[in-house]
PDB file of N, CA and C in Angstrom:
ATOM      1  N   UNK A   1     155.748 145.793-110.932  1.00  0.00           N
ATOM      2  CA  UNK A   1     155.830 146.072-112.476  1.00  0.00           C
ATOM      3  C   UNK A   1     156.576 147.253-112.544  1.00  0.00           C
ATOM      4  N   UNK A   2     157.361 147.411-113.646  1.00  0.00           N
ATOM      5  CA  UNK A   2     158.065 148.813-113.608  1.00  0.00           C
ATOM      6  C   UNK A   2     157.655 149.436-114.855  1.00  0.00           C
ATOM      7  N   UNK A   3     156.516 148.935-115.597  1.00  0.00           N
ATOM      8  CA  UNK A   3     156.090 149.784-116.748  1.00  0.00           C
ATOM      9  C   UNK A   3     154.821 149.382-116.951  1.00  0.00           C
ATOM     10  N   UNK A   4     154.004 149.943-117.964  1.00  0.00           N
ATOM     11  CA  UNK A   4     152.805 149.638-118.168  1.00  0.00           C
ATOM     12  C   UNK A   4     152.806 148.333-119.216  1.00  0.00           C
ATOM     13  N   UNK A   5     151.798 147.592-118.920  1.00  0.00           N
ATOM     14  CA  UNK A   5     151.777 146.306-119.740  1.00  0.00           C
ATOM     15  C   UNK A   5     150.268 145.920-120.144  1.00  0.00           C
ATOM     16  N   UNK A   6     150.253 145.025-121.055  1.00  0.00           N
ATOM     17  CA  UNK A   6     149.015 144.474-121.557  1.00  0.00           C
ATOM     18  C   UNK A   6     148.845 143.322-120.464  1.00  0.00           C
ATOM     19  N   UNK A   7     147.551 143.149-120.217  1.00  0.00           N
ATOM     20  CA  UNK A   7     147.189 142.211-119.196  1.00  0.00           C
ATOM     21  C   UNK A   7     147.955 140.743-119.447  1.00  0.00           C
ATOM     22  N   UNK A   8     148.014 140.424-120.656  1.00  0.00           N
ATOM     23  CA  UNK A   8     148.648 138.893-120.972  1.00  0.00           C
ATOM     24  C   UNK A   8     149.899 139.077-120.625  1.00  0.00           C
ATOM     25  N   UNK A   9     150.839 140.164-120.824  1.00  0.00           N
ATOM     26  CA  UNK A   9     152.190 140.225-120.452  1.00  0.00           C
ATOM     27  C   UNK A   9     152.379 140.016-118.997  1.00  0.00           C
ATOM     28  N   UNK A  10     151.513 140.973-118.406  1.00  0.00           N
ATOM     29  CA  UNK A  10     151.491 140.744-116.856  1.00  0.00           C
ATOM     30  C   UNK A  10     151.365 139.311-116.189  1.00  0.00           C
ATOM     31  N   UNK A  11     150.354 138.878-116.879  1.00  0.00           N
ATOM     32  CA  UNK A  11     150.047 137.299-116.292  1.00  0.00           C
ATOM     33  C   UNK A  11     151.170 136.325-116.749  1.00  0.00           C
ATOM     34  N   UNK A  12     151.815 136.592-117.832  1.00  0.00           N
ATOM     35  CA  UNK A  12     152.960 135.566-118.265  1.00  0.00           C
ATOM     36  C   UNK A  12     154.294 135.982-117.653  1.00  0.00           C
ATOM     37  N   UNK A  13     154.546 137.167-117.222  1.00  0.00           N
ATOM     38  CA  UNK A  13     155.727 137.565-116.816  1.00  0.00           C
ATOM     39  C   UNK A  13     155.855 137.724-115.426  1.00  0.00           C
ATOM     40  N   UNK A  14     154.945 138.260-114.561  1.00  0.00           N
ATOM     41  CA  UNK A  14     155.004 138.619-113.317  1.00  0.00           C
ATOM     42  C   UNK A  14     154.302 137.619-112.147  1.00  0.00           C
ATOM     43  N   UNK A  15     154.909 137.559-110.964  1.00  0.00           N
ATOM     44  CA  UNK A  15     154.244 136.954-109.810  1.00  0.00           C
ATOM     45  C   UNK A  15     153.623 138.004-109.072  1.00  0.00           C
ATOM     46  N   UNK A  16     152.521 137.592-108.388  1.00  0.00           N
ATOM     47  CA  UNK A  16     151.844 138.553-107.566  1.00  0.00           C
ATOM     48  C   UNK A  16     152.508 138.505-106.099  1.00  0.00           C
ATOM     49  N   UNK A  17     152.791 139.683-105.712  1.00  0.00           N
ATOM     50  CA  UNK A  17     153.479 139.901-104.221  1.00  0.00           C
ATOM     51  C   UNK A  17     152.494 139.241-103.296  1.00  0.00           C
ATOM     52  N   UNK A  18     151.168 139.277-103.393  1.00  0.00           N
ATOM     53  CA  UNK A  18     150.149 138.774-102.292  1.00  0.00           C
ATOM     54  C   UNK A  18     149.861 137.227-102.425  1.00  0.00           C
ATOM     55  N   UNK A  19     150.203 136.649-103.679  1.00  0.00           N
ATOM     56  CA  UNK A  19     149.666 135.352-103.708  1.00  0.00           C
ATOM     57  C   UNK A  19     150.253 134.207-102.768  1.00  0.00           C
ATOM     58  N   UNK A  20     151.400 134.509-102.342  1.00  0.00           N
ATOM     59  CA  UNK A  20     151.952 133.594-101.329  1.00  0.00           C
ATOM     60  C   UNK A  20     151.446 133.746 -99.839  1.00  0.00           C
ATOM     61  N   UNK A  21     150.722 135.013 -99.834  1.00  0.00           N
ATOM     62  CA  UNK A  21     150.045 135.076 -98.406  1.00  0.00           C
ATOM     63  C   UNK A  21     148.658 135.179 -98.144  1.00  0.00           C
ATOM     64  N   UNK A  22     148.128 135.751 -99.200  1.00  0.00           N
ATOM     65  CA  UNK A  22     146.380 135.707 -99.148  1.00  0.00           C
ATOM     66  C   UNK A  22     145.836 134.895-100.202  1.00  0.00           C
ATOM     67  N   UNK A  23     146.216 134.481-101.163  1.00  0.00           N
ATOM     68  CA  UNK A  23     145.698 133.745-102.168  1.00  0.00           C
ATOM     69  C   UNK A  23     145.692 132.285-102.075  1.00  0.00           C
ATOM     70  N   UNK A  24     144.596 131.623-102.442  1.00  0.00           N
ATOM     71  CA  UNK A  24     144.811 130.180-102.353  1.00  0.00           C
ATOM     72  C   UNK A  24     144.604 129.693-103.670  1.00  0.00           C
ATOM     73  N   UNK A  25     145.006 130.367-104.777  1.00  0.00           N
ATOM     74  CA  UNK A  25     145.018 129.719-106.037  1.00  0.00           C
ATOM     75  C   UNK A  25     146.493 128.896-106.207  1.00  0.00           C
ATOM     76  N   UNK A  26     146.257 128.219-107.545  1.00  0.00           N
ATOM     77  CA  UNK A  26     147.365 127.244-107.818  1.00  0.00           C
ATOM     78  C   UNK A  26     148.819 127.845-107.963  1.00  0.00           C
ATOM     79  N   UNK A  27     148.906 129.058-108.690  1.00  0.00           N
ATOM     80  CA  UNK A  27     150.139 129.479-108.803  1.00  0.00           C
ATOM     81  C   UNK A  27     150.328 131.047-108.303  1.00  0.00           C
ATOM     82  N   UNK A  28     151.376 131.484-108.347  1.00  0.00           N
ATOM     83  CA  UNK A  28     151.657 133.001-107.918  1.00  0.00           C
ATOM     84  C   UNK A  28     151.659 133.935-108.970  1.00  0.00           C
ATOM     85  N   UNK A  29     151.214 133.488-110.093  1.00  0.00           N
ATOM     86  CA  UNK A  29     151.160 134.558-111.073  1.00  0.00           C
ATOM     87  C   UNK A  29     150.289 135.591-111.045  1.00  0.00           C
ATOM     88  N   UNK A  30     150.656 136.798-111.698  1.00  0.00           N
ATOM     89  CA  UNK A  30     149.808 138.039-111.591  1.00  0.00           C
ATOM     90  C   UNK A  30     148.268 137.646-112.363  1.00  0.00           C
ATOM     91  N   UNK A  31     147.443 138.189-111.724  1.00  0.00           N
ATOM     92  CA  UNK A  31     145.995 138.153-112.404  1.00  0.00           C
ATOM     93  C   UNK A  31     145.559 139.185-113.268  1.00  0.00           C
ATOM     94  N   UNK A  32     146.400 140.222-113.303  1.00  0.00           N
ATOM     95  CA  UNK A  32     146.357 141.429-114.271  1.00  0.00           C
ATOM     96  C   UNK A  32     144.972 142.064-113.931  1.00  0.00           C
ATOM     97  N   UNK A  33     144.222 142.299-115.146  1.00  0.00           N
ATOM     98  CA  UNK A  33     143.030 142.680-115.091  1.00  0.00           C
ATOM     99  C   UNK A  33     141.841 142.102-114.360  1.00  0.00           C
ATOM    100  N   UNK A  34     142.271 140.803-113.864  1.00  0.00           N
ATOM    101  CA  UNK A  34     141.113 140.187-113.149  1.00  0.00           C
ATOM    102  C   UNK A  34     141.356 140.464-111.655  1.00  0.00           C
ATOM    103  N   UNK A  35     142.512 141.210-111.167  1.00  0.00           N
ATOM    104  CA  UNK A  35     142.826 141.386-109.901  1.00  0.00           C
ATOM    105  C   UNK A  35     142.309 142.983-109.461  1.00  0.00           C
ATOM    106  N   UNK A  36     141.586 143.147-108.310  1.00  0.00           N
ATOM    107  CA  UNK A  36     141.224 144.228-107.755  1.00  0.00           C
ATOM    108  C   UNK A  36     142.244 145.244-107.581  1.00  0.00           C
ATOM    109  N   UNK A  37     143.512 144.977-107.708  1.00  0.00           N
ATOM    110  CA  UNK A  37     144.793 146.036-107.488  1.00  0.00           C
ATOM    111  C   UNK A  37     145.000 146.582-108.930  1.00  0.00           C
ATOM    112  N   UNK A  38     144.484 146.043-110.188  1.00  0.00           N
ATOM    113  CA  UNK A  38     145.148 146.130-111.384  1.00  0.00           C
ATOM    114  C   UNK A  38     144.493 147.692-111.677  1.00  0.00           C
ATOM    115  N   UNK A  39     145.233 148.540-112.324  1.00  0.00           N
ATOM    116  CA  UNK A  39     144.882 149.858-112.776  1.00  0.00           C
ATOM    117  C   UNK A  39     145.085 150.132-114.120  1.00  0.00           C
ATOM    118  N   UNK A  40     144.111 150.850-114.900  1.00  0.00           N
ATOM    119  CA  UNK A  40     144.046 150.873-116.261  1.00  0.00           C
ATOM    120  C   UNK A  40     144.917 152.227-116.660  1.00  0.00           C
ATOM    121  N   UNK A  41     145.663 152.291-117.702  1.00  0.00           N
ATOM    122  CA  UNK A  41     146.197 153.510-118.158  1.00  0.00           C
ATOM    123  C   UNK A  41     145.314 154.005-119.204  1.00  0.00           C
ATOM    124  N   UNK A  42     144.719 155.236-119.250  1.00  0.00           N
ATOM    125  CA  UNK A  42     143.553 155.640-120.324  1.00  0.00           C
ATOM    126  C   UNK A  42     144.573 155.931-121.444  1.00  0.00           C
ATOM    127  N   UNK A  43     143.825 155.711-122.616  1.00  0.00           N
ATOM    128  CA  UNK A  43     144.380 155.971-123.919  1.00  0.00           C
ATOM    129  C   UNK A  43     144.755 157.420-123.896  1.00  0.00           C
ATOM    130  N   UNK A  44     146.097 157.702-124.233  1.00  0.00           N
ATOM    131  CA  UNK A  44     146.448 159.170-124.338  1.00  0.00           C
ATOM    132  C   UNK A  44     145.794 159.813-125.631  1.00  0.00           C
ATOM    133  N   UNK A  45     145.500 161.294-125.400  1.00  0.00           N
ATOM    134  CA  UNK A  45     145.083 162.027-126.643  1.00  0.00           C
ATOM    135  C   UNK A  45     146.203 162.074-127.878  1.00  0.00           C
ATOM    136  N   UNK A  46     147.490 161.915-127.346  1.00  0.00           N
ATOM    137  CA  UNK A  46     148.483 161.750-128.390  1.00  0.00           C
ATOM    138  C   UNK A  46     148.562 160.470-129.190  1.00  0.00           C
ATOM    139  N   UNK A  47     147.824 159.589-128.817  1.00  0.00           N
ATOM    140  CA  UNK A  47     147.883 158.212-129.555  1.00  0.00           C
ATOM    141  C   UNK A  47     147.651 158.309-130.901  1.00  0.00           C
ATOM    142  N   UNK A  48     148.513 157.956-131.927  1.00  0.00           N
ATOM    143  CA  UNK A  48     148.556 158.028-133.193  1.00  0.00           C
ATOM    144  C   UNK A  48     147.261 157.629-134.017  1.00  0.00           C
ATOM    145  N   UNK A  49     146.483 156.654-133.388  1.00  0.00           N
ATOM    146  CA  UNK A  49     145.242 156.098-133.742  1.00  0.00           C
ATOM    147  C   UNK A  49     144.200 157.074-133.463  1.00  0.00           C
ATOM    148  N   UNK A  50     144.214 157.581-132.462  1.00  0.00           N
ATOM    149  CA  UNK A  50     143.254 158.637-132.183  1.00  0.00           C
ATOM    150  C   UNK A  50     143.308 159.946-133.017  1.00  0.00           C
ATOM    151  N   UNK A  51     144.721 160.256-133.175  1.00  0.00           N
ATOM    152  CA  UNK A  51     144.986 161.672-133.886  1.00  0.00           C
ATOM    153  C   UNK A  51     144.651 161.369-135.425  1.00  0.00           C
ATOM    154  N   UNK A  52     145.035 160.287-136.008  1.00  0.00           N
ATOM    155  CA  UNK A  52     144.624 159.863-137.216  1.00  0.00           C
ATOM    156  C   UNK A  52     143.218 160.016-137.502  1.00  0.00           C
ATOM    157  N   UNK A  53     142.406 159.265-136.586  1.00  0.00           N
ATOM    158  CA  UNK A  53     141.000 159.002-136.824  1.00  0.00           C
ATOM    159  C   UNK A  53     140.287 160.618-136.965  1.00  0.00           C
ATOM    160  N   UNK A  54     140.842 161.502-135.987  1.00  0.00           N
ATOM    161  CA  UNK A  54     140.403 162.748-135.918  1.00  0.00           C
ATOM    162  C   UNK A  54     140.553 163.532-137.268  1.00  0.00           C
ATOM    163  N   UNK A  55     142.022 163.429-137.686  1.00  0.00           N
ATOM    164  CA  UNK A  55     142.438 164.095-138.979  1.00  0.00           C
ATOM    165  C   UNK A  55     141.435 163.488-140.133  1.00  0.00           C
ATOM    166  N   UNK A  56     141.104 162.219-140.195  1.00  0.00           N
ATOM    167  CA  UNK A  56     140.307 161.746-141.431  1.00  0.00           C
ATOM    168  C   UNK A  56     138.846 162.324-141.225  1.00  0.00           C
ATOM    169  N   UNK A  57     138.360 162.342-140.019  1.00  0.00           N
ATOM    170  CA  UNK A  57     137.064 162.942-139.726  1.00  0.00           C
ATOM    171  C   UNK A  57     137.018 164.211-140.076  1.00  0.00           C
ATOM    172  N   UNK A  58     137.953 165.009-139.802  1.00  0.00           N
ATOM    173  CA  UNK A  58     138.053 166.568-140.296  1.00  0.00           C
ATOM    174  C   UNK A  58     137.882 166.618-141.740  1.00  0.00           C
ATOM    175  N   UNK A  59     138.685 166.056-142.386  1.00  0.00           N
ATOM    176  CA  UNK A  59     138.785 165.934-144.009  1.00  0.00           C
ATOM    177  C   UNK A  59     137.252 165.523-144.389  1.00  0.00           C
ATOM    178  N   UNK A  60     136.870 164.503-143.787  1.00  0.00           N
ATOM    179  CA  UNK A  60     135.382 164.041-144.331  1.00  0.00           C
ATOM    180  C   UNK A  60     134.394 165.251-143.948  1.00  0.00           C
ATOM    181  N   UNK A  61     134.450 165.852-142.711  1.00  0.00           N
ATOM    182  CA  UNK A  61     133.450 166.812-142.395  1.00  0.00           C
ATOM    183  C   UNK A  61     133.690 168.039-143.456  1.00  0.00           C
ATOM    184  N   UNK A  62     134.827 168.373-143.796  1.00  0.00           N
ATOM    185  CA  UNK A  62     135.110 169.441-144.749  1.00  0.00           C
ATOM    186  C   UNK A  62     134.606 169.273-146.001  1.00  0.00           C
ATOM    187  N   UNK A  63     134.896 167.910-146.511  1.00  0.00           N
ATOM    188  CA  UNK A  63     134.434 167.659-147.972  1.00  0.00           C
ATOM    189  C   UNK A  63     132.856 167.809-148.090  1.00  0.00           C
ATOM    190  N   UNK A  64     132.186 166.999-146.922  1.00  0.00           N
ATOM    191  CA  UNK A  64     130.660 167.250-147.034  1.00  0.00           C
ATOM    192  C   UNK A  64     130.018 168.451-146.805  1.00  0.00           C
ATOM    193  N   UNK A  65     130.882 169.449-146.009  1.00  0.00           N
ATOM    194  CA  UNK A  65     130.337 170.832-146.128  1.00  0.00           C
ATOM    195  C   UNK A  65     130.528 171.535-147.408  1.00  0.00           C
ATOM    196  N   UNK A  66     131.608 171.074-148.014  1.00  0.00           N
ATOM    197  CA  UNK A  66     131.919 171.877-149.287  1.00  0.00           C
ATOM    198  C   UNK A  66     130.961 171.218-150.456  1.00  0.00           C
ATOM    199  N   UNK A  67     130.482 170.051-150.297  1.00  0.00           N
ATOM    200  CA  UNK A  67     129.546 169.538-151.313  1.00  0.00           C
ATOM    201  C   UNK A  67     128.195 170.088-150.900  1.00  0.00           C
ATOM    202  N   UNK A  68     127.798 170.232-149.776  1.00  0.00           N
ATOM    203  CA  UNK A  68     126.504 170.844-149.270  1.00  0.00           C
ATOM    204  C   UNK A  68     126.328 172.291-149.693  1.00  0.00           C
ATOM    205  N   UNK A  69     127.400 173.046-149.604  1.00  0.00           N
ATOM    206  CA  UNK A  69     127.415 174.382-149.964  1.00  0.00           C
ATOM    207  C   UNK A  69     127.631 174.734-151.308  1.00  0.00           C
ATOM    208  N   UNK A  70     128.437 173.945-151.968  1.00  0.00           N
ATOM    209  CA  UNK A  70     128.971 174.111-153.256  1.00  0.00           C
ATOM    210  C   UNK A  70     130.238 174.951-153.369  1.00  0.00           C
ATOM    211  N   UNK A  71     130.671 175.268-152.161  1.00  0.00           N
ATOM    212  CA  UNK A  71     131.845 176.246-152.242  1.00  0.00           C
ATOM    213  C   UNK A  71     133.083 175.535-151.878  1.00  0.00           C
ATOM    214  N   UNK A  72     134.239 176.035-152.088  1.00  0.00           N
ATOM    215  CA  UNK A  72     135.572 175.319-151.853  1.00  0.00           C
ATOM    216  C   UNK A  72     135.552 174.940-150.454  1.00  0.00           C
ATOM    217  N   UNK A  73     136.110 173.829-150.173  1.00  0.00           N
ATOM    218  CA  UNK A  73     136.267 173.417-148.736  1.00  0.00           C
ATOM    219  C   UNK A  73     137.216 174.259-147.741  1.00  0.00           C
ATOM    220  N   UNK A  74     136.657 174.342-146.677  1.00  0.00           N
ATOM    221  CA  UNK A  74     137.251 175.350-145.760  1.00  0.00           C
ATOM    222  C   UNK A  74     138.578 174.513-144.979  1.00  0.00           C
ATOM    223  N   UNK A  75     139.477 175.198-144.366  1.00  0.00           N
ATOM    224  CA  UNK A  75     140.479 174.351-143.843  1.00  0.00           C
ATOM    225  C   UNK A  75     140.035 173.262-142.692  1.00  0.00           C
ATOM    226  N   UNK A  76     140.561 172.094-142.738  1.00  0.00           N
ATOM    227  CA  UNK A  76     140.009 171.079-141.972  1.00  0.00           C
ATOM    228  C   UNK A  76     140.024 171.399-140.497  1.00  0.00           C
ATOM    229  N   UNK A  77     140.881 172.139-139.996  1.00  0.00           N
ATOM    230  CA  UNK A  77     140.879 172.478-138.592  1.00  0.00           C
ATOM    231  C   UNK A  77     139.823 173.163-138.084  1.00  0.00           C
ATOM    232  N   UNK A  78     138.967 173.600-138.767  1.00  0.00           N
ATOM    233  CA  UNK A  78     137.733 174.244-138.391  1.00  0.00           C
ATOM    234  C   UNK A  78     136.744 173.485-138.020  1.00  0.00           C
ATOM    235  N   UNK A  79     136.996 172.180-138.229  1.00  0.00           N
ATOM    236  CA  UNK A  79     136.090 170.943-137.940  1.00  0.00           C
ATOM    237  C   UNK A  79     136.546 170.184-136.777  1.00  0.00           C
ATOM    238  N   UNK A  80     137.547 170.805-136.145  1.00  0.00           N
ATOM    239  CA  UNK A  80     138.124 169.764-135.049  1.00  0.00           C
ATOM    240  C   UNK A  80     137.354 169.318-134.113  1.00  0.00           C
ATOM    241  N   UNK A  81     136.515 170.312-133.414  1.00  0.00           N
ATOM    242  CA  UNK A  81     135.481 170.043-132.278  1.00  0.00           C
ATOM    243  C   UNK A  81     134.572 168.993-132.633  1.00  0.00           C
ATOM    244  N   UNK A  82     133.917 169.111-133.889  1.00  0.00           N
ATOM    245  CA  UNK A  82     132.849 168.107-134.202  1.00  0.00           C
ATOM    246  C   UNK A  82     133.516 166.832-134.595  1.00  0.00           C
ATOM    247  N   UNK A  83     134.885 166.759-135.026  1.00  0.00           N
ATOM    248  CA  UNK A  83     135.348 165.688-135.469  1.00  0.00           C
ATOM    249  C   UNK A  83     135.845 164.858-134.028  1.00  0.00           C
ATOM    250  N   UNK A  84     136.319 165.576-133.089  1.00  0.00           N
ATOM    251  CA  UNK A  84     136.558 164.890-131.992  1.00  0.00           C
ATOM    252  C   UNK A  84     135.513 164.260-131.066  1.00  0.00           C
ATOM    253  N   UNK A  85     134.391 164.978-131.320  1.00  0.00           N
ATOM    254  CA  UNK A  85     133.087 164.474-130.872  1.00  0.00           C
ATOM    255  C   UNK A  85     132.558 163.286-131.513  1.00  0.00           C
ATOM    256  N   UNK A  86     132.718 163.368-132.796  1.00  0.00           N
ATOM    257  CA  UNK A  86     132.344 162.104-133.579  1.00  0.00           C
ATOM    258  C   UNK A  86     133.005 160.727-133.281  1.00  0.00           C
ATOM    259  N   UNK A  87     134.532 161.091-133.289  1.00  0.00           N
ATOM    260  CA  UNK A  87     135.235 160.002-132.873  1.00  0.00           C
ATOM    261  C   UNK A  87     135.174 159.275-131.468  1.00  0.00           C
ATOM    262  N   UNK A  88     134.867 160.210-130.568  1.00  0.00           N
ATOM    263  CA  UNK A  88     134.648 159.862-129.136  1.00  0.00           C
ATOM    264  C   UNK A  88     133.257 159.321-128.821  1.00  0.00           C
ATOM    265  N   UNK A  89     132.349 159.548-129.794  1.00  0.00           N
ATOM    266  CA  UNK A  89     130.946 158.872-129.706  1.00  0.00           C
ATOM    267  C   UNK A  89     131.099 157.553-130.270  1.00  0.00           C
ATOM    268  N   UNK A  90     131.798 157.044-131.111  1.00  0.00           N
ATOM    269  CA  UNK A  90     131.982 155.521-131.554  1.00  0.00           C
ATOM    270  C   UNK A  90     133.420 155.371-131.977  1.00  0.00           C
ATOM    271  N   UNK A  91     134.309 155.208-130.967  1.00  0.00           N
ATOM    272  CA  UNK A  91     135.811 155.113-131.325  1.00  0.00           C
ATOM    273  C   UNK A  91     136.122 153.775-132.041  1.00  0.00           C
ATOM    274  N   UNK A  92     135.540 152.863-131.975  1.00  0.00           N
ATOM    275  CA  UNK A  92     135.778 151.455-132.552  1.00  0.00           C
ATOM    276  C   UNK A  92     135.476 151.845-134.194  1.00  0.00           C
ATOM    277  N   UNK A  93     134.486 152.528-134.682  1.00  0.00           N
ATOM    278  CA  UNK A  93     134.280 152.716-136.052  1.00  0.00           C
ATOM    279  C   UNK A  93     135.339 153.307-136.713  1.00  0.00           C
ATOM    280  N   UNK A  94     136.126 154.240-135.760  1.00  0.00           N
ATOM    281  CA  UNK A  94     137.285 154.905-136.523  1.00  0.00           C
ATOM    282  C   UNK A  94     138.631 154.074-136.169  1.00  0.00           C
ATOM    283  N   UNK A  95     138.749 152.986-135.634  1.00  0.00           N
ATOM    284  CA  UNK A  95     139.899 152.222-135.360  1.00  0.00           C
ATOM    285  C   UNK A  95     140.643 152.583-134.274  1.00  0.00           C
ATOM    286  N   UNK A  96     139.909 153.312-133.100  1.00  0.00           N
ATOM    287  CA  UNK A  96     140.530 153.448-131.938  1.00  0.00           C
ATOM    288  C   UNK A  96     139.942 152.515-130.956  1.00  0.00           C
ATOM    289  N   UNK A  97     140.627 151.999-129.948  1.00  0.00           N
ATOM    290  CA  UNK A  97     140.217 151.211-128.980  1.00  0.00           C
ATOM    291  C   UNK A  97     139.054 151.803-127.975  1.00  0.00           C
ATOM    292  N   UNK A  98     137.966 151.175-127.838  1.00  0.00           N
ATOM    293  CA  UNK A  98     137.013 151.959-126.875  1.00  0.00           C
ATOM    294  C   UNK A  98     137.516 151.773-125.397  1.00  0.00           C
ATOM    295  N   UNK A  99     138.225 150.792-125.089  1.00  0.00           N
ATOM    296  CA  UNK A  99     138.725 150.554-123.650  1.00  0.00           C
ATOM    297  C   UNK A  99     140.360 150.621-123.507  1.00  0.00           C
ATOM    298  N   UNK A 100     140.770 151.027-122.378  1.00  0.00           N
ATOM    299  CA  UNK A 100     142.222 150.879-122.217  1.00  0.00           C
ATOM    300  C   UNK A 100     142.768 149.581-122.489  1.00  0.00           C
ATOM    301  N   UNK A 101     144.279 149.785-122.945  1.00  0.00           N
ATOM    302  CA  UNK A 101     144.769 148.461-123.309  1.00  0.00           C
ATOM    303  C   UNK A 101     145.852 148.149-122.337  1.00  0.00           C
ATOM    304  N   UNK A 102     146.543 149.126-121.603  1.00  0.00           N
ATOM    305  CA  UNK A 102     147.562 148.878-120.877  1.00  0.00           C
ATOM    306  C   UNK A 102     147.062 149.160-119.482  1.00  0.00           C
ATOM    307  N   UNK A 103     147.979 148.872-118.549  1.00  0.00           N
ATOM    308  CA  UNK A 103     147.690 148.811-117.140  1.00  0.00           C
ATOM    309  C   UNK A 103     148.870 148.501-116.225  1.00  0.00           C
ATOM    310  N   UNK A 104     148.799 148.410-115.103  1.00  0.00           N
ATOM    311  CA  UNK A 104     149.780 148.226-114.154  1.00  0.00           C
ATOM    312  C   UNK A 104     149.163 147.708-112.693  1.00  0.00           C
ATOM    313  N   UNK A 105     150.114 147.049-112.075  1.00  0.00           N
ATOM    314  CA  UNK A 105     149.777 146.533-110.609  1.00  0.00           C
ATOM    315  C   UNK A 105     149.694 147.779-109.650  1.00  0.00           C
ATOM    316  N   UNK A 106     148.640 148.066-109.116  1.00  0.00           N
ATOM    317  CA  UNK A 106     148.462 149.139-108.159  1.00  0.00           C
ATOM    318  C   UNK A 106     149.018 149.005-106.871  1.00  0.00           C
ATOM    319  N   UNK A 107     149.667 147.796-106.653  1.00  0.00           N
ATOM    320  CA  UNK A 107     150.499 147.687-105.368  1.00  0.00           C
ATOM    321  C   UNK A 107     151.625 148.580-105.123  1.00  0.00           C
ATOM    322  N   UNK A 108     152.401 148.763-106.252  1.00  0.00           N
ATOM    323  CA  UNK A 108     153.723 149.333-106.266  1.00  0.00           C
ATOM    324  C   UNK A 108     153.694 151.014-106.604  1.00  0.00           C
ATOM    325  N   UNK A 109     152.421 151.463-106.981  1.00  0.00           N
ATOM    326  CA  UNK A 109     152.076 152.749-107.296  1.00  0.00           C
ATOM    327  C   UNK A 109     152.218 152.896-108.855  1.00  0.00           C
ATOM    328  N   UNK A 110     151.907 154.018-109.496  1.00  0.00           N
ATOM    329  CA  UNK A 110     151.972 154.010-110.929  1.00  0.00           C
ATOM    330  C   UNK A 110     153.470 154.307-111.271  1.00  0.00           C
ATOM    331  N   UNK A 111     153.782 153.375-112.322  1.00  0.00           N
ATOM    332  CA  UNK A 111     155.161 153.479-113.013  1.00  0.00           C
ATOM    333  C   UNK A 111     155.356 154.824-113.617  1.00  0.00           C
ATOM    334  N   UNK A 112     156.712 155.265-113.637  1.00  0.00           N
ATOM    335  CA  UNK A 112     157.025 156.428-114.352  1.00  0.00           C
ATOM    336  C   UNK A 112     156.937 156.219-115.992  1.00  0.00           C
ATOM    337  N   UNK A 113     156.244 157.327-116.665  1.00  0.00           N
ATOM    338  CA  UNK A 113     156.251 157.365-118.106  1.00  0.00           C
ATOM    339  C   UNK A 113     157.614 157.172-118.559  1.00  0.00           C
ATOM    340  N   UNK A 114     157.780 156.006-119.500  1.00  0.00           N
ATOM    341  CA  UNK A 114     159.168 155.953-120.214  1.00  0.00           C
ATOM    342  C   UNK A 114     160.044 154.897-119.404  1.00  0.00           C
ATOM    343  N   UNK A 115     159.366 154.390-118.269  1.00  0.00           N
ATOM    344  CA  UNK A 115     160.218 153.097-117.497  1.00  0.00           C
ATOM    345  C   UNK A 115     160.225 152.011-118.190  1.00  0.00           C
TER     346      UNK A 115
END
């Protein structure tokens, strides 16, 4: 495989190089996430869903603090550390996947980014 794929794409598009020699299954298709050689690509910190969730949480924290103190809201970036912790504690509540979505066949080594 030459790029990072969703498991469904791998199963529908690629044949397993080991299927003809070691596997007794019916076809030579890739098993993707069901295979011991499948490797997951972690969700990058630059993912727009993750960044958007952090920005929204920073704004919410700033508003809550302003209501609490009665003062004008401080800049949102002051709440960054707490916002990241909140998003990471329950990513799905913020629209961020909790598990990786893309992967690759570990037999050929990790594909180059942008391939």
